[in-house]
């Protein structure tokens, strides 16, 4: 898939439940962290290409875990125009 960002800042969240409340003694950052969310700053605006990847989990040895996890792979469109990316010399 693809998406476009017009802002240099975005909210990243693991779900859209909309139940965020700021406790009086805590900061907004702590509230976001406790709900599985965070603010991402200094994002390059423009078109992004995104895909969900199924990868092996190197950390977990639980018997209830199947050993894989999903990760979001998002790359700015300009990356695909870079010569180093196209000829696979990118490091």
PDB file of N, CA and C in Angstrom:
ATOM      1  N   UNK A   1       0.811  -1.174   0.000  1.00  0.00           N
ATOM      2  CA  UNK A   1       0.000   0.000   0.000  1.00  0.00           C
ATOM      3  C   UNK A   1       0.856   1.240   0.000  1.00  0.00           C
ATOM      4  N   UNK A   2       0.234   2.351  -0.048  1.00  0.00           N
ATOM      5  CA  UNK A   2       0.935   3.631  -0.040  1.00  0.00           C
ATOM      6  C   UNK A   2       0.118   4.660   0.734  1.00  0.00           C
ATOM      7  N   UNK A   3       0.807   5.645   1.252  1.00  0.00           N
ATOM      8  CA  UNK A   3       0.134   6.745   1.937  1.00  0.00           C
ATOM      9  C   UNK A   3       0.971   8.002   1.752  1.00  0.00           C
ATOM     10  N   UNK A   4       0.376   9.137   2.007  1.00  0.00           N
ATOM     11  CA  UNK A   4       1.097  10.400   1.902  1.00  0.00           C
ATOM     12  C   UNK A   4       1.048  11.127   3.242  1.00  0.00           C
ATOM     13  N   UNK A   5       2.139  11.783   3.577  1.00  0.00           N
ATOM     14  CA  UNK A   5       2.216  12.583   4.795  1.00  0.00           C
ATOM     15  C   UNK A   5       2.476  14.029   4.407  1.00  0.00           C
ATOM     16  N   UNK A   6       1.664  14.924   4.932  1.00  0.00           N
ATOM     17  CA  UNK A   6       1.849  16.352   4.692  1.00  0.00           C
ATOM     18  C   UNK A   6       2.482  17.038   5.895  1.00  0.00           C
ATOM     19  N   UNK A   7       2.586  16.328   7.002  1.00  0.00           N
ATOM     20  CA  UNK A   7       3.111  16.887   8.239  1.00  0.00           C
ATOM     21  C   UNK A   7       4.430  16.207   8.584  1.00  0.00           C
ATOM     22  N   UNK A   8       5.273  16.892   9.330  1.00  0.00           N
ATOM     23  CA  UNK A   8       6.522  16.309   9.782  1.00  0.00           C
ATOM     24  C   UNK A   8       6.379  15.557  11.090  1.00  0.00           C
ATOM     25  N   UNK A   9       5.151  15.416  11.577  1.00  0.00           N
ATOM     26  CA  UNK A   9       4.890  14.749  12.849  1.00  0.00           C
ATOM     27  C   UNK A   9       3.684  13.832  12.685  1.00  0.00           C
ATOM     28  N   UNK A  10       3.728  12.666  13.353  1.00  0.00           N
ATOM     29  CA  UNK A  10       2.626  11.715  13.216  1.00  0.00           C
ATOM     30  C   UNK A  10       2.447  10.920  14.506  1.00  0.00           C
ATOM     31  N   UNK A  11       1.241  10.428  14.710  1.00  0.00           N
ATOM     32  CA  UNK A  11       0.927   9.563  15.843  1.00  0.00           C
ATOM     33  C   UNK A  11       0.963   8.126  15.360  1.00  0.00           C
ATOM     34  N   UNK A  12       1.802   7.307  15.986  1.00  0.00           N
ATOM     35  CA  UNK A  12       1.891   5.886  15.675  1.00  0.00           C
ATOM     36  C   UNK A  12       1.221   5.134  16.816  1.00  0.00           C
ATOM     37  N   UNK A  13       0.256   4.268  16.492  1.00  0.00           N
ATOM     38  CA  UNK A  13      -0.483   3.546  17.520  1.00  0.00           C
ATOM     39  C   UNK A  13      -0.723   2.112  17.089  1.00  0.00           C
ATOM     40  N   UNK A  14      -0.801   1.209  18.056  1.00  0.00           N
ATOM     41  CA  UNK A  14      -1.036  -0.198  17.721  1.00  0.00           C
ATOM     42  C   UNK A  14      -2.506  -0.521  17.530  1.00  0.00           C
ATOM     43  N   UNK A  15      -3.397   0.387  17.944  1.00  0.00           N
ATOM     44  CA  UNK A  15      -4.830   0.168  17.733  1.00  0.00           C
ATOM     45  C   UNK A  15      -5.548   1.515  17.714  1.00  0.00           C
ATOM     46  N   UNK A  16      -6.772   1.499  17.224  1.00  0.00           N
ATOM     47  CA  UNK A  16      -7.575   2.718  17.139  1.00  0.00           C
ATOM     48  C   UNK A  16      -8.737   2.678  18.122  1.00  0.00           C
ATOM     49  N   UNK A  17      -8.480   2.382  19.375  1.00  0.00           N
ATOM     50  CA  UNK A  17      -9.581   2.266  20.324  1.00  0.00           C
ATOM     51  C   UNK A  17     -10.074   3.614  20.837  1.00  0.00           C
ATOM     52  N   UNK A  18      -9.253   4.669  20.728  1.00  0.00           N
ATOM     53  CA  UNK A  18      -9.699   6.008  21.090  1.00  0.00           C
ATOM     54  C   UNK A  18      -9.987   6.229  22.560  1.00  0.00           C
ATOM     55  N   UNK A  19      -9.432   5.435  23.458  1.00  0.00           N
ATOM     56  CA  UNK A  19      -9.703   5.554  24.889  1.00  0.00           C
ATOM     57  C   UNK A  19      -8.558   6.232  25.640  1.00  0.00           C
ATOM     58  N   UNK A  20      -7.913   7.213  25.056  1.00  0.00           N
ATOM     59  CA  UNK A  20      -6.778   7.864  25.691  1.00  0.00           C
ATOM     60  C   UNK A  20      -7.243   8.937  26.669  1.00  0.00           C
ATOM     61  N   UNK A  21      -6.730   8.860  27.897  1.00  0.00           N
ATOM     62  CA  UNK A  21      -7.009   9.861  28.921  1.00  0.00           C
ATOM     63  C   UNK A  21      -5.689  10.226  29.575  1.00  0.00           C
ATOM     64  N   UNK A  22      -5.486  11.501  29.840  1.00  0.00           N
ATOM     65  CA  UNK A  22      -4.246  11.959  30.449  1.00  0.00           C
ATOM     66  C   UNK A  22      -4.422  12.037  31.965  1.00  0.00           C
ATOM     67  N   UNK A  23      -3.749  11.151  32.721  1.00  0.00           N
ATOM     68  CA  UNK A  23      -3.803  11.248  34.182  1.00  0.00           C
ATOM     69  C   UNK A  23      -3.138  12.551  34.641  1.00  0.00           C
ATOM     70  N   UNK A  24      -3.595  13.110  35.726  1.00  0.00           N
ATOM     71  CA  UNK A  24      -3.098  14.409  36.195  1.00  0.00           C
ATOM     72  C   UNK A  24      -1.606  14.395  36.507  1.00  0.00           C
ATOM     73  N   UNK A  25      -1.103  13.306  37.060  1.00  0.00           N
ATOM     74  CA  UNK A  25       0.296  13.278  37.475  1.00  0.00           C
ATOM     75  C   UNK A  25       1.247  12.801  36.385  1.00  0.00           C
ATOM     76  N   UNK A  26       0.745  12.499  35.213  1.00  0.00           N
ATOM     77  CA  UNK A  26       1.597  11.961  34.154  1.00  0.00           C
ATOM     78  C   UNK A  26       1.592  12.875  32.936  1.00  0.00           C
ATOM     79  N   UNK A  27       2.589  12.709  32.114  1.00  0.00           N
ATOM     80  CA  UNK A  27       2.695  13.521  30.901  1.00  0.00           C
ATOM     81  C   UNK A  27       1.956  12.852  29.744  1.00  0.00           C
ATOM     82  N   UNK A  28       1.762  13.601  28.678  1.00  0.00           N
ATOM     83  CA  UNK A  28       1.126  13.044  27.487  1.00  0.00           C
ATOM     84  C   UNK A  28       1.993  11.923  26.919  1.00  0.00           C
ATOM     85  N   UNK A  29       3.322  12.091  26.964  1.00  0.00           N
ATOM     86  CA  UNK A  29       4.223  11.057  26.456  1.00  0.00           C
ATOM     87  C   UNK A  29       4.042   9.745  27.218  1.00  0.00           C
ATOM     88  N   UNK A  30       3.910   9.812  28.545  1.00  0.00           N
ATOM     89  CA  UNK A  30       3.702   8.602  29.361  1.00  0.00           C
ATOM     90  C   UNK A  30       2.350   7.969  29.052  1.00  0.00           C
ATOM     91  N   UNK A  31       1.332   8.800  28.846  1.00  0.00           N
ATOM     92  CA  UNK A  31       0.006   8.297  28.512  1.00  0.00           C
ATOM     93  C   UNK A  31       0.051   7.562  27.176  1.00  0.00           C
ATOM     94  N   UNK A  32       0.711   8.145  26.185  1.00  0.00           N
ATOM     95  CA  UNK A  32       0.824   7.495  24.879  1.00  0.00           C
ATOM     96  C   UNK A  32       1.589   6.185  24.983  1.00  0.00           C
ATOM     97  N   UNK A  33       2.694   6.193  25.717  1.00  0.00           N
ATOM     98  CA  UNK A  33       3.509   4.989  25.886  1.00  0.00           C
ATOM     99  C   UNK A  33       2.717   3.870  26.551  1.00  0.00           C
ATOM    100  N   UNK A  34       1.924   4.198  27.555  1.00  0.00           N
ATOM    101  CA  UNK A  34       1.153   3.173  28.263  1.00  0.00           C
ATOM    102  C   UNK A  34       0.034   2.586  27.411  1.00  0.00           C
ATOM    103  N   UNK A  35      -0.346   3.290  26.343  1.00  0.00           N
ATOM    104  CA  UNK A  35      -1.403   2.784  25.467  1.00  0.00           C
ATOM    105  C   UNK A  35      -0.848   2.174  24.180  1.00  0.00           C
ATOM    106  N   UNK A  36       0.484   2.010  24.089  1.00  0.00           N
ATOM    107  CA  UNK A  36       1.088   1.432  22.893  1.00  0.00           C
ATOM    108  C   UNK A  36       1.195   2.412  21.745  1.00  0.00           C
ATOM    109  N   UNK A  37       1.331   3.696  22.058  1.00  0.00           N
ATOM    110  CA  UNK A  37       1.402   4.734  21.031  1.00  0.00           C
ATOM    111  C   UNK A  37       2.623   5.615  21.247  1.00  0.00           C
ATOM    112  N   UNK A  38       2.995   6.367  20.225  1.00  0.00           N
ATOM    113  CA  UNK A  38       4.068   7.345  20.359  1.00  0.00           C
ATOM    114  C   UNK A  38       3.938   8.396  19.264  1.00  0.00           C
ATOM    115  N   UNK A  39       4.577   9.530  19.485  1.00  0.00           N
ATOM    116  CA  UNK A  39       4.634  10.597  18.490  1.00  0.00           C
ATOM    117  C   UNK A  39       5.963  10.457  17.753  1.00  0.00           C
ATOM    118  N   UNK A  40       5.908  10.468  16.423  1.00  0.00           N
ATOM    119  CA  UNK A  40       7.118  10.420  15.607  1.00  0.00           C
ATOM    120  C   UNK A  40       7.324  11.814  15.028  1.00  0.00           C
ATOM    121  N   UNK A  41       8.541  12.359  15.207  1.00  0.00           N
ATOM    122  CA  UNK A  41       8.845  13.713  14.741  1.00  0.00           C
ATOM    123  C   UNK A  41       9.864  13.666  13.602  1.00  0.00           C
ATOM    124  N   UNK A  42       9.983  14.758  12.885  1.00  0.00           N
ATOM    125  CA  UNK A  42      10.947  14.916  11.788  1.00  0.00           C
ATOM    126  C   UNK A  42      10.752  13.878  10.690  1.00  0.00           C
ATOM    127  N   UNK A  43       9.511  13.654  10.297  1.00  0.00           N
ATOM    128  CA  UNK A  43       9.187  12.718   9.223  1.00  0.00           C
ATOM    129  C   UNK A  43       9.273  13.455   7.890  1.00  0.00           C
ATOM    130  N   UNK A  44       9.852  12.816   6.910  1.00  0.00           N
ATOM    131  CA  UNK A  44       9.917  13.399   5.563  1.00  0.00           C
ATOM    132  C   UNK A  44       8.523  13.367   4.963  1.00  0.00           C
ATOM    133  N   UNK A  45       8.042  14.517   4.528  1.00  0.00           N
ATOM    134  CA  UNK A  45       6.715  14.558   3.915  1.00  0.00           C
ATOM    135  C   UNK A  45       6.781  13.990   2.504  1.00  0.00           C
ATOM    136  N   UNK A  46       5.638  13.575   1.996  1.00  0.00           N
ATOM    137  CA  UNK A  46       5.564  13.026   0.643  1.00  0.00           C
ATOM    138  C   UNK A  46       4.914  11.659   0.626  1.00  0.00           C
ATOM    139  N   UNK A  47       5.201  10.907  -0.429  1.00  0.00           N
ATOM    140  CA  UNK A  47       4.586   9.593  -0.637  1.00  0.00           C
ATOM    141  C   UNK A  47       5.459   8.506  -0.018  1.00  0.00           C
ATOM    142  N   UNK A  48       4.813   7.620   0.726  1.00  0.00           N
ATOM    143  CA  UNK A  48       5.475   6.488   1.367  1.00  0.00           C
ATOM    144  C   UNK A  48       4.852   5.190   0.855  1.00  0.00           C
ATOM    145  N   UNK A  49       5.691   4.179   0.632  1.00  0.00           N
ATOM    146  CA  UNK A  49       5.247   2.847   0.232  1.00  0.00           C
ATOM    147  C   UNK A  49       5.354   1.973   1.478  1.00  0.00           C
ATOM    148  N   UNK A  50       4.300   1.226   1.797  1.00  0.00           N
ATOM    149  CA  UNK A  50       4.285   0.439   3.030  1.00  0.00           C
ATOM    150  C   UNK A  50       3.834  -0.990   2.762  1.00  0.00           C
ATOM    151  N   UNK A  51       4.335  -1.903   3.602  1.00  0.00           N
ATOM    152  CA  UNK A  51       3.970  -3.309   3.495  1.00  0.00           C
ATOM    153  C   UNK A  51       4.148  -3.955   4.864  1.00  0.00           C
ATOM    154  N   UNK A  52       3.320  -4.927   5.182  1.00  0.00           N
ATOM    155  CA  UNK A  52       3.500  -5.719   6.396  1.00  0.00           C
ATOM    156  C   UNK A  52       4.358  -6.930   6.054  1.00  0.00           C
ATOM    157  N   UNK A  53       5.395  -7.157   6.853  1.00  0.00           N
ATOM    158  CA  UNK A  53       6.306  -8.279   6.634  1.00  0.00           C
ATOM    159  C   UNK A  53       6.178  -9.259   7.793  1.00  0.00           C
ATOM    160  N   UNK A  54       6.182 -10.537   7.486  1.00  0.00           N
ATOM    161  CA  UNK A  54       6.192 -11.582   8.509  1.00  0.00           C
ATOM    162  C   UNK A  54       7.643 -12.014   8.691  1.00  0.00           C
ATOM    163  N   UNK A  55       8.203 -11.805   9.881  1.00  0.00           N
ATOM    164  CA  UNK A  55       9.616 -12.101  10.130  1.00  0.00           C
ATOM    165  C   UNK A  55       9.769 -13.027  11.327  1.00  0.00           C
ATOM    166  N   UNK A  56      10.895 -13.725  11.375  1.00  0.00           N
ATOM    167  CA  UNK A  56      11.200 -14.587  12.515  1.00  0.00           C
ATOM    168  C   UNK A  56      11.498 -13.722  13.727  1.00  0.00           C
ATOM    169  N   UNK A  57      10.981 -14.110  14.863  1.00  0.00           N
ATOM    170  CA  UNK A  57      11.192 -13.379  16.109  1.00  0.00           C
ATOM    171  C   UNK A  57      12.455 -13.924  16.785  1.00  0.00           C
ATOM    172  N   UNK A  58      13.522 -13.123  16.903  1.00  0.00           N
ATOM    173  CA  UNK A  58      14.769 -13.617  17.488  1.00  0.00           C
ATOM    174  C   UNK A  58      14.783 -13.620  19.016  1.00  0.00           C
ATOM    175  N   UNK A  59      13.774 -13.056  19.645  1.00  0.00           N
ATOM    176  CA  UNK A  59      13.788 -12.859  21.092  1.00  0.00           C
ATOM    177  C   UNK A  59      13.001 -13.920  21.850  1.00  0.00           C
ATOM    178  N   UNK A  60      11.849 -14.279  21.322  1.00  0.00           N
ATOM    179  CA  UNK A  60      10.886 -15.080  22.068  1.00  0.00           C
ATOM    180  C   UNK A  60      11.158 -16.581  21.970  1.00  0.00           C
ATOM    181  N   UNK A  61      11.115 -17.264  23.118  1.00  0.00           N
ATOM    182  CA  UNK A  61      11.203 -18.721  23.163  1.00  0.00           C
ATOM    183  C   UNK A  61      10.001 -19.317  23.884  1.00  0.00           C
ATOM    184  N   UNK A  62       8.905 -18.581  23.943  1.00  0.00           N
ATOM    185  CA  UNK A  62       7.719 -19.056  24.642  1.00  0.00           C
ATOM    186  C   UNK A  62       7.054 -20.177  23.861  1.00  0.00           C
ATOM    187  N   UNK A  63       6.520 -21.145  24.557  1.00  0.00           N
ATOM    188  CA  UNK A  63       5.843 -22.257  23.886  1.00  0.00           C
ATOM    189  C   UNK A  63       4.545 -21.802  23.219  1.00  0.00           C
ATOM    190  N   UNK A  64       3.984 -20.682  23.673  1.00  0.00           N
ATOM    191  CA  UNK A  64       2.744 -20.167  23.082  1.00  0.00           C
ATOM    192  C   UNK A  64       2.998 -19.303  21.851  1.00  0.00           C
ATOM    193  N   UNK A  65       4.265 -19.035  21.546  1.00  0.00           N
ATOM    194  CA  UNK A  65       4.619 -18.172  20.416  1.00  0.00           C
ATOM    195  C   UNK A  65       4.985 -19.030  19.213  1.00  0.00           C
ATOM    196  N   UNK A  66       4.486 -18.657  18.040  1.00  0.00           N
ATOM    197  CA  UNK A  66       4.815 -19.428  16.833  1.00  0.00           C
ATOM    198  C   UNK A  66       6.152 -19.014  16.227  1.00  0.00           C
ATOM    199  N   UNK A  67       6.859 -18.060  16.853  1.00  0.00           N
ATOM    200  CA  UNK A  67       8.196 -17.682  16.408  1.00  0.00           C
ATOM    201  C   UNK A  67       8.246 -16.637  15.313  1.00  0.00           C
ATOM    202  N   UNK A  68       7.106 -16.034  14.987  1.00  0.00           N
ATOM    203  CA  UNK A  68       7.097 -14.990  13.966  1.00  0.00           C
ATOM    204  C   UNK A  68       6.373 -13.755  14.495  1.00  0.00           C
ATOM    205  N   UNK A  69       6.647 -12.633  13.859  1.00  0.00           N
ATOM    206  CA  UNK A  69       5.945 -11.399  14.200  1.00  0.00           C
ATOM    207  C   UNK A  69       5.786 -10.569  12.930  1.00  0.00           C
ATOM    208  N   UNK A  70       4.813  -9.664  12.937  1.00  0.00           N
ATOM    209  CA  UNK A  70       4.605  -8.771  11.802  1.00  0.00           C
ATOM    210  C   UNK A  70       5.304  -7.448  12.061  1.00  0.00           C
ATOM    211  N   UNK A  71       5.973  -6.935  11.052  1.00  0.00           N
ATOM    212  CA  UNK A  71       6.575  -5.612  11.147  1.00  0.00           C
ATOM    213  C   UNK A  71       6.093  -4.765   9.976  1.00  0.00           C
ATOM    214  N   UNK A  72       6.000  -3.478  10.208  1.00  0.00           N
ATOM    215  CA  UNK A  72       5.603  -2.545   9.162  1.00  0.00           C
ATOM    216  C   UNK A  72       6.862  -2.018   8.494  1.00  0.00           C
ATOM    217  N   UNK A  73       6.970  -2.210   7.201  1.00  0.00           N
ATOM    218  CA  UNK A  73       8.089  -1.707   6.409  1.00  0.00           C
ATOM    219  C   UNK A  73       7.567  -0.529   5.593  1.00  0.00           C
ATOM    220  N   UNK A  74       8.032   0.683   5.902  1.00  0.00           N
ATOM    221  CA  UNK A  74       7.589   1.882   5.183  1.00  0.00           C
ATOM    222  C   UNK A  74       8.817   2.608   4.658  1.00  0.00           C
ATOM    223  N   UNK A  75       8.813   2.912   3.357  1.00  0.00           N
ATOM    224  CA  UNK A  75       9.950   3.578   2.726  1.00  0.00           C
ATOM    225  C   UNK A  75       9.460   4.763   1.901  1.00  0.00           C
ATOM    226  N   UNK A  76      10.194   5.866   2.004  1.00  0.00           N
ATOM    227  CA  UNK A  76       9.832   7.059   1.243  1.00  0.00           C
ATOM    228  C   UNK A  76      10.077   6.802  -0.241  1.00  0.00           C
ATOM    229  N   UNK A  77       9.227   7.341  -1.080  1.00  0.00           N
ATOM    230  CA  UNK A  77       9.302   7.126  -2.527  1.00  0.00           C
ATOM    231  C   UNK A  77      10.666   7.506  -3.102  1.00  0.00           C
ATOM    232  N   UNK A  78      11.308   8.539  -2.553  1.00  0.00           N
ATOM    233  CA  UNK A  78      12.606   8.969  -3.072  1.00  0.00           C
ATOM    234  C   UNK A  78      13.666   7.879  -2.972  1.00  0.00           C
ATOM    235  N   UNK A  79      13.528   6.965  -2.013  1.00  0.00           N
ATOM    236  CA  UNK A  79      14.488   5.869  -1.891  1.00  0.00           C
ATOM    237  C   UNK A  79      14.541   5.048  -3.172  1.00  0.00           C
ATOM    238  N   UNK A  80      13.396   4.792  -3.771  1.00  0.00           N
ATOM    239  CA  UNK A  80      13.326   3.958  -4.966  1.00  0.00           C
ATOM    240  C   UNK A  80      13.918   4.647  -6.189  1.00  0.00           C
ATOM    241  N   UNK A  81      14.146   5.956  -6.125  1.00  0.00           N
ATOM    242  CA  UNK A  81      14.743   6.709  -7.226  1.00  0.00           C
ATOM    243  C   UNK A  81      16.258   6.823  -7.091  1.00  0.00           C
ATOM    244  N   UNK A  82      16.805   6.409  -5.949  1.00  0.00           N
ATOM    245  CA  UNK A  82      18.232   6.507  -5.689  1.00  0.00           C
ATOM    246  C   UNK A  82      18.990   5.434  -6.478  1.00  0.00           C
ATOM    247  N   UNK A  83      20.075   5.830  -7.164  1.00  0.00           N
ATOM    248  CA  UNK A  83      20.854   4.878  -7.972  1.00  0.00           C
ATOM    249  C   UNK A  83      21.401   3.733  -7.127  1.00  0.00           C
ATOM    250  N   UNK A  84      21.894   4.037  -5.930  1.00  0.00           N
ATOM    251  CA  UNK A  84      22.429   2.998  -5.053  1.00  0.00           C
ATOM    252  C   UNK A  84      21.392   1.954  -4.684  1.00  0.00           C
ATOM    253  N   UNK A  85      20.151   2.388  -4.527  1.00  0.00           N
ATOM    254  CA  UNK A  85      19.073   1.441  -4.232  1.00  0.00           C
ATOM    255  C   UNK A  85      18.759   0.597  -5.464  1.00  0.00           C
ATOM    256  N   UNK A  86      18.715   1.249  -6.636  1.00  0.00           N
ATOM    257  CA  UNK A  86      18.363   0.533  -7.865  1.00  0.00           C
ATOM    258  C   UNK A  86      19.416  -0.499  -8.264  1.00  0.00           C
ATOM    259  N   UNK A  87      20.712  -0.163  -8.100  1.00  0.00           N
ATOM    260  CA  UNK A  87      21.747  -1.121  -8.509  1.00  0.00           C
ATOM    261  C   UNK A  87      22.255  -1.990  -7.351  1.00  0.00           C
ATOM    262  N   UNK A  88      21.582  -1.898  -6.209  1.00  0.00           N
ATOM    263  CA  UNK A  88      21.850  -2.711  -5.012  1.00  0.00           C
ATOM    264  C   UNK A  88      23.230  -2.477  -4.387  1.00  0.00           C
ATOM    265  N   UNK A  89      23.795  -1.290  -4.612  1.00  0.00           N
ATOM    266  CA  UNK A  89      25.069  -0.954  -3.973  1.00  0.00           C
ATOM    267  C   UNK A  89      24.855  -0.162  -2.684  1.00  0.00           C
ATOM    268  N   UNK A  90      23.582   0.083  -2.331  1.00  0.00           N
ATOM    269  CA  UNK A  90      23.217   0.840  -1.124  1.00  0.00           C
ATOM    270  C   UNK A  90      23.676   0.073   0.115  1.00  0.00           C
ATOM    271  N   UNK A  91      24.297   0.772   1.053  1.00  0.00           N
ATOM    272  CA  UNK A  91      24.714   0.117   2.296  1.00  0.00           C
ATOM    273  C   UNK A  91      24.024   0.739   3.468  1.00  0.00           C
TER     274      UNK A  91
END
